PDB file of N, CA and C in Angstrom:
ATOM      1  N   UNK A   1      25.076  29.894   2.790  1.00  0.00           N
ATOM      2  CA  UNK A   1      25.194  28.624   3.494  1.00  0.00           C
ATOM      3  C   UNK A   1      23.818  28.075   3.876  1.00  0.00           C
ATOM      4  N   UNK A   2      22.956  28.956   4.333  1.00  0.00           N
ATOM      5  CA  UNK A   2      21.623  28.536   4.746  1.00  0.00           C
ATOM      6  C   UNK A   2      20.839  27.941   3.572  1.00  0.00           C
ATOM      7  N   UNK A   3      21.033  28.496   2.371  1.00  0.00           N
ATOM      8  CA  UNK A   3      20.347  27.970   1.189  1.00  0.00           C
ATOM      9  C   UNK A   3      20.788  26.545   0.881  1.00  0.00           C
ATOM     10  N   UNK A   4      22.059  26.270   1.064  1.00  0.00           N
ATOM     11  CA  UNK A   4      22.580  24.922   0.815  1.00  0.00           C
ATOM     12  C   UNK A   4      21.991  23.941   1.824  1.00  0.00           C
ATOM     13  N   UNK A   5      21.958  24.340   3.087  1.00  0.00           N
ATOM     14  CA  UNK A   5      21.395  23.476   4.134  1.00  0.00           C
ATOM     15  C   UNK A   5      19.915  23.237   3.861  1.00  0.00           C
ATOM     16  N   UNK A   6      19.198  24.279   3.492  1.00  0.00           N
ATOM     17  CA  UNK A   6      17.775  24.125   3.172  1.00  0.00           C
ATOM     18  C   UNK A   6      17.570  23.170   2.007  1.00  0.00           C
ATOM     19  N   UNK A   7      18.405  23.280   0.989  1.00  0.00           N
ATOM     20  CA  UNK A   7      18.287  22.403  -0.177  1.00  0.00           C
ATOM     21  C   UNK A   7      18.585  20.955   0.192  1.00  0.00           C
ATOM     22  N   UNK A   8      19.608  20.742   0.998  1.00  0.00           N
ATOM     23  CA  UNK A   8      19.953  19.385   1.434  1.00  0.00           C
ATOM     24  C   UNK A   8      18.810  18.795   2.255  1.00  0.00           C
ATOM     25  N   UNK A   9      18.256  19.583   3.169  1.00  0.00           N
ATOM     26  CA  UNK A   9      17.131  19.090   3.973  1.00  0.00           C
ATOM     27  C   UNK A   9      15.915  18.797   3.100  1.00  0.00           C
ATOM     28  N   UNK A  10      15.624  19.667   2.143  1.00  0.00           N
ATOM     29  CA  UNK A  10      14.508  19.425   1.217  1.00  0.00           C
ATOM     30  C   UNK A  10      14.723  18.131   0.434  1.00  0.00           C
ATOM     31  N   UNK A  11      15.942  17.911  -0.011  1.00  0.00           N
ATOM     32  CA  UNK A  11      16.260  16.680  -0.746  1.00  0.00           C
ATOM     33  C   UNK A  11      16.096  15.445   0.132  1.00  0.00           C
ATOM     34  N   UNK A  12      16.530  15.544   1.388  1.00  0.00           N
ATOM     35  CA  UNK A  12      16.379  14.412   2.315  1.00  0.00           C
ATOM     36  C   UNK A  12      14.912  14.118   2.597  1.00  0.00           C
ATOM     37  N   UNK A  13      14.140  15.169   2.816  1.00  0.00           N
ATOM     38  CA  UNK A  13      12.706  14.979   3.066  1.00  0.00           C
ATOM     39  C   UNK A  13      12.015  14.371   1.842  1.00  0.00           C
ATOM     40  N   UNK A  14      12.386  14.829   0.655  1.00  0.00           N
ATOM     41  CA  UNK A  14      11.795  14.289  -0.571  1.00  0.00           C
ATOM     42  C   UNK A  14      12.153  12.816  -0.746  1.00  0.00           C
ATOM     43  N   UNK A  15      13.397  12.469  -0.458  1.00  0.00           N
ATOM     44  CA  UNK A  15      13.820  11.070  -0.562  1.00  0.00           C
ATOM     45  C   UNK A  15      13.097  10.204   0.458  1.00  0.00           C
ATOM     46  N   UNK A  16      12.935  10.704   1.670  1.00  0.00           N
ATOM     47  CA  UNK A  16      12.223   9.949   2.710  1.00  0.00           C
ATOM     48  C   UNK A  16      10.762   9.772   2.330  1.00  0.00           C
ATOM     49  N   UNK A  17      10.144  10.809   1.784  1.00  0.00           N
ATOM     50  CA  UNK A  17       8.743  10.726   1.358  1.00  0.00           C
ATOM     51  C   UNK A  17       8.599   9.706   0.224  1.00  0.00           C
ATOM     52  N   UNK A  18       9.497   9.740  -0.741  1.00  0.00           N
ATOM     53  CA  UNK A  18       9.438   8.791  -1.852  1.00  0.00           C
ATOM     54  C   UNK A  18       9.624   7.362  -1.359  1.00  0.00           C
ATOM     55  N   UNK A  19      10.538   7.175  -0.421  1.00  0.00           N
ATOM     56  CA  UNK A  19      10.769   5.845   0.147  1.00  0.00           C
ATOM     57  C   UNK A  19       9.533   5.358   0.896  1.00  0.00           C
ATOM     58  N   UNK A  20       8.924   6.232   1.670  1.00  0.00           N
ATOM     59  CA  UNK A  20       7.716   5.873   2.423  1.00  0.00           C
ATOM     60  C   UNK A  20       6.578   5.512   1.466  1.00  0.00           C
ATOM     61  N   UNK A  21       6.405   6.304   0.402  1.00  0.00           N
ATOM     62  CA  UNK A  21       5.345   6.024  -0.568  1.00  0.00           C
ATOM     63  C   UNK A  21       5.596   4.713  -1.304  1.00  0.00           C
ATOM     64  N   UNK A  22       6.837   4.426  -1.639  1.00  0.00           N
ATOM     65  CA  UNK A  22       7.167   3.163  -2.303  1.00  0.00           C
ATOM     66  C   UNK A  22       6.898   1.985  -1.373  1.00  0.00           C
ATOM     67  N   UNK A  23       7.253   2.141  -0.111  1.00  0.00           N
ATOM     68  CA  UNK A  23       7.006   1.077   0.864  1.00  0.00           C
ATOM     69  C   UNK A  23       5.504   0.850   1.028  1.00  0.00           C
ATOM     70  N   UNK A  24       4.742   1.935   1.118  1.00  0.00           N
ATOM     71  CA  UNK A  24       3.296   1.808   1.258  1.00  0.00           C
ATOM     72  C   UNK A  24       2.694   1.115   0.033  1.00  0.00           C
ATOM     73  N   UNK A  25       3.181   1.440  -1.148  1.00  0.00           N
ATOM     74  CA  UNK A  25       2.685   0.800  -2.367  1.00  0.00           C
ATOM     75  C   UNK A  25       2.995  -0.694  -2.366  1.00  0.00           C
ATOM     76  N   UNK A  26       4.191  -1.066  -1.888  1.00  0.00           N
ATOM     77  CA  UNK A  26       4.542  -2.497  -1.799  1.00  0.00           C
ATOM     78  C   UNK A  26       3.617  -3.214  -0.819  1.00  0.00           C
ATOM     79  N   UNK A  27       3.381  -2.611   0.335  1.00  0.00           N
ATOM     80  CA  UNK A  27       2.518  -3.223   1.348  1.00  0.00           C
ATOM     81  C   UNK A  27       1.100  -3.373   0.807  1.00  0.00           C
ATOM     82  N   UNK A  28       0.590  -2.331   0.168  1.00  0.00           N
ATOM     83  CA  UNK A  28      -0.764  -2.406  -0.380  1.00  0.00           C
ATOM     84  C   UNK A  28      -0.851  -3.483  -1.465  1.00  0.00           C
ATOM     85  N   UNK A  29       0.163  -3.604  -2.284  1.00  0.00           N
ATOM     86  CA  UNK A  29       0.183  -4.643  -3.301  1.00  0.00           C
ATOM     87  C   UNK A  29       0.169  -6.038  -2.694  1.00  0.00           C
ATOM     88  N   UNK A  30       0.934  -6.209  -1.619  1.00  0.00           N
ATOM     89  CA  UNK A  30       0.954  -7.503  -0.935  1.00  0.00           C
ATOM     90  C   UNK A  30      -0.395  -7.796  -0.288  1.00  0.00           C
ATOM     91  N   UNK A  31      -1.023  -6.791   0.304  1.00  0.00           N
ATOM     92  CA  UNK A  31      -2.349  -6.990   0.896  1.00  0.00           C
ATOM     93  C   UNK A  31      -3.380  -7.331  -0.174  1.00  0.00           C
ATOM     94  N   UNK A  32      -3.296  -6.673  -1.320  1.00  0.00           N
ATOM     95  CA  UNK A  32      -4.206  -6.991  -2.426  1.00  0.00           C
ATOM     96  C   UNK A  32      -4.032  -8.443  -2.868  1.00  0.00           C
ATOM     97  N   UNK A  33      -2.787  -8.889  -2.961  1.00  0.00           N
ATOM     98  CA  UNK A  33      -2.520 -10.274  -3.374  1.00  0.00           C
ATOM     99  C   UNK A  33      -3.054 -11.262  -2.335  1.00  0.00           C
ATOM    100  N   UNK A  34      -2.889 -10.942  -1.067  1.00  0.00           N
ATOM    101  CA  UNK A  34      -3.393 -11.821  -0.003  1.00  0.00           C
ATOM    102  C   UNK A  34      -4.915 -11.882  -0.044  1.00  0.00           C
ATOM    103  N   UNK A  35      -5.559 -10.720  -0.187  1.00  0.00           N
ATOM    104  CA  UNK A  35      -7.022 -10.691  -0.251  1.00  0.00           C
ATOM    105  C   UNK A  35      -7.529 -11.483  -1.452  1.00  0.00           C
ATOM    106  N   UNK A  36      -6.862 -11.362  -2.594  1.00  0.00           N
ATOM    107  CA  UNK A  36      -7.270 -12.114  -3.783  1.00  0.00           C
ATOM    108  C   UNK A  36      -7.097 -13.612  -3.553  1.00  0.00           C
ATOM    109  N   UNK A  37      -5.978 -13.992  -2.955  1.00  0.00           N
ATOM    110  CA  UNK A  37      -5.738 -15.411  -2.676  1.00  0.00           C
ATOM    111  C   UNK A  37      -6.789 -15.955  -1.712  1.00  0.00           C
ATOM    112  N   UNK A  38      -7.071 -15.224  -0.651  1.00  0.00           N
ATOM    113  CA  UNK A  38      -8.069 -15.683   0.317  1.00  0.00           C
ATOM    114  C   UNK A  38      -9.457 -15.740  -0.303  1.00  0.00           C
ATOM    115  N   UNK A  39      -9.768 -14.778  -1.149  1.00  0.00           N
ATOM    116  CA  UNK A  39     -11.054 -14.799  -1.843  1.00  0.00           C
ATOM    117  C   UNK A  39     -11.181 -16.076  -2.669  1.00  0.00           C
ATOM    118  N   UNK A  40     -10.131 -16.407  -3.398  1.00  0.00           N
ATOM    119  CA  UNK A  40     -10.164 -17.586  -4.265  1.00  0.00           C
ATOM    120  C   UNK A  40     -10.181 -18.894  -3.479  1.00  0.00           C
ATOM    121  N   UNK A  41      -9.545 -18.915  -2.323  1.00  0.00           N
ATOM    122  CA  UNK A  41      -9.436 -20.184  -1.597  1.00  0.00           C
ATOM    123  C   UNK A  41     -10.518 -20.376  -0.543  1.00  0.00           C
ATOM    124  N   UNK A  42     -11.091 -19.296  -0.030  1.00  0.00           N
ATOM    125  CA  UNK A  42     -12.059 -19.436   1.062  1.00  0.00           C
ATOM    126  C   UNK A  42     -13.511 -19.288   0.634  1.00  0.00           C
ATOM    127  N   UNK A  43     -13.764 -18.472  -0.366  1.00  0.00           N
ATOM    128  CA  UNK A  43     -15.158 -18.246  -0.757  1.00  0.00           C
ATOM    129  C   UNK A  43     -15.613 -19.280  -1.778  1.00  0.00           C
ATOM    130  N   UNK A  44     -16.816 -19.765  -1.605  1.00  0.00           N
ATOM    131  CA  UNK A  44     -17.354 -20.710  -2.595  1.00  0.00           C
ATOM    132  C   UNK A  44     -17.498 -20.022  -3.961  1.00  0.00           C
ATOM    133  N   UNK A  45     -17.425 -20.810  -5.026  1.00  0.00           N
ATOM    134  CA  UNK A  45     -17.497 -20.246  -6.383  1.00  0.00           C
ATOM    135  C   UNK A  45     -18.741 -19.394  -6.622  1.00  0.00           C
ATOM    136  N   UNK A  46     -19.877 -19.795  -6.058  1.00  0.00           N
ATOM    137  CA  UNK A  46     -21.110 -19.032  -6.307  1.00  0.00           C
ATOM    138  C   UNK A  46     -21.052 -17.630  -5.685  1.00  0.00           C
ATOM    139  N   UNK A  47     -20.354 -17.488  -4.571  1.00  0.00           N
ATOM    140  CA  UNK A  47     -20.195 -16.154  -3.979  1.00  0.00           C
ATOM    141  C   UNK A  47     -19.212 -15.315  -4.788  1.00  0.00           C
ATOM    142  N   UNK A  48     -18.139 -15.947  -5.248  1.00  0.00           N
ATOM    143  CA  UNK A  48     -17.184 -15.220  -6.097  1.00  0.00           C
ATOM    144  C   UNK A  48     -17.850 -14.798  -7.397  1.00  0.00           C
ATOM    145  N   UNK A  49     -18.680 -15.679  -7.967  1.00  0.00           N
ATOM    146  CA  UNK A  49     -19.375 -15.361  -9.220  1.00  0.00           C
ATOM    147  C   UNK A  49     -20.345 -14.195  -9.016  1.00  0.00           C
ATOM    148  N   UNK A  50     -20.881 -14.068  -7.810  1.00  0.00           N
ATOM    149  CA  UNK A  50     -21.801 -12.968  -7.510  1.00  0.00           C
ATOM    150  C   UNK A  50     -21.054 -11.655  -7.257  1.00  0.00           C
ATOM    151  N   UNK A  51     -19.719 -11.713  -7.252  1.00  0.00           N
ATOM    152  CA  UNK A  51     -18.929 -10.508  -7.082  1.00  0.00           C
ATOM    153  C   UNK A  51     -18.449 -10.255  -5.658  1.00  0.00           C
ATOM    154  N   UNK A  52     -18.694 -11.187  -4.766  1.00  0.00           N
ATOM    155  CA  UNK A  52     -18.245 -11.024  -3.387  1.00  0.00           C
ATOM    156  C   UNK A  52     -16.734 -11.219  -3.319  1.00  0.00           C
ATOM    157  N   UNK A  53     -16.055 -10.296  -2.681  1.00  0.00           N
ATOM    158  CA  UNK A  53     -14.602 -10.354  -2.528  1.00  0.00           C
ATOM    159  C   UNK A  53     -14.238 -10.007  -1.097  1.00  0.00           C
ATOM    160  N   UNK A  54     -13.173 -10.602  -0.603  1.00  0.00           N
ATOM    161  CA  UNK A  54     -12.667 -10.232   0.710  1.00  0.00           C
ATOM    162  C   UNK A  54     -11.932  -8.907   0.593  1.00  0.00           C
ATOM    163  N   UNK A  55     -12.149  -8.046   1.543  1.00  0.00           N
ATOM    164  CA  UNK A  55     -11.512  -6.733   1.568  1.00  0.00           C
ATOM    165  C   UNK A  55     -10.803  -6.565   2.902  1.00  0.00           C
ATOM    166  N   UNK A  56     -10.025  -5.542   3.013  1.00  0.00           N
ATOM    167  CA  UNK A  56      -9.340  -5.238   4.255  1.00  0.00           C
ATOM    168  C   UNK A  56      -9.465  -3.746   4.519  1.00  0.00           C
ATOM    169  N   UNK A  57      -9.384  -3.385   5.766  1.00  0.00           N
ATOM    170  CA  UNK A  57      -9.503  -1.994   6.183  1.00  0.00           C
ATOM    171  C   UNK A  57      -8.120  -1.354   6.170  1.00  0.00           C
ATOM    172  N   UNK A  58      -7.935  -0.336   5.340  1.00  0.00           N
ATOM    173  CA  UNK A  58      -6.616   0.310   5.239  1.00  0.00           C
ATOM    174  C   UNK A  58      -6.527   1.580   6.081  1.00  0.00           C
ATOM    175  N   UNK A  59      -7.579   1.901   6.829  1.00  0.00           N
ATOM    176  CA  UNK A  59      -7.581   3.128   7.604  1.00  0.00           C
ATOM    177  C   UNK A  59      -6.392   3.203   8.565  1.00  0.00           C
ATOM    178  N   UNK A  60      -6.075   2.122   9.231  1.00  0.00           N
ATOM    179  CA  UNK A  60      -4.965   2.115  10.179  1.00  0.00           C
ATOM    180  C   UNK A  60      -3.599   2.118   9.515  1.00  0.00           C
ATOM    181  N   UNK A  61      -3.553   1.883   8.214  1.00  0.00           N
ATOM    182  CA  UNK A  61      -2.280   1.822   7.504  1.00  0.00           C
ATOM    183  C   UNK A  61      -1.830   3.174   6.965  1.00  0.00           C
ATOM    184  N   UNK A  62      -2.720   4.140   7.012  1.00  0.00           N
ATOM    185  CA  UNK A  62      -2.382   5.455   6.440  1.00  0.00           C
ATOM    186  C   UNK A  62      -1.574   6.282   7.398  1.00  0.00           C
TER     187      UNK A  62
END
């Protein structure tokens, strides 16, 4: 019985981890799109041509 409970809990934890990772990937993708949009709309062309891009700090998101 204990093996079955352990397996069910392992499966639940794995599903929760996969869901969390998928959510984090969606959020990061949305942040990347926002940063790209802001870079294109706010920075002058000469700064974009020089390689300057808007970035965001993801430390608090981990």
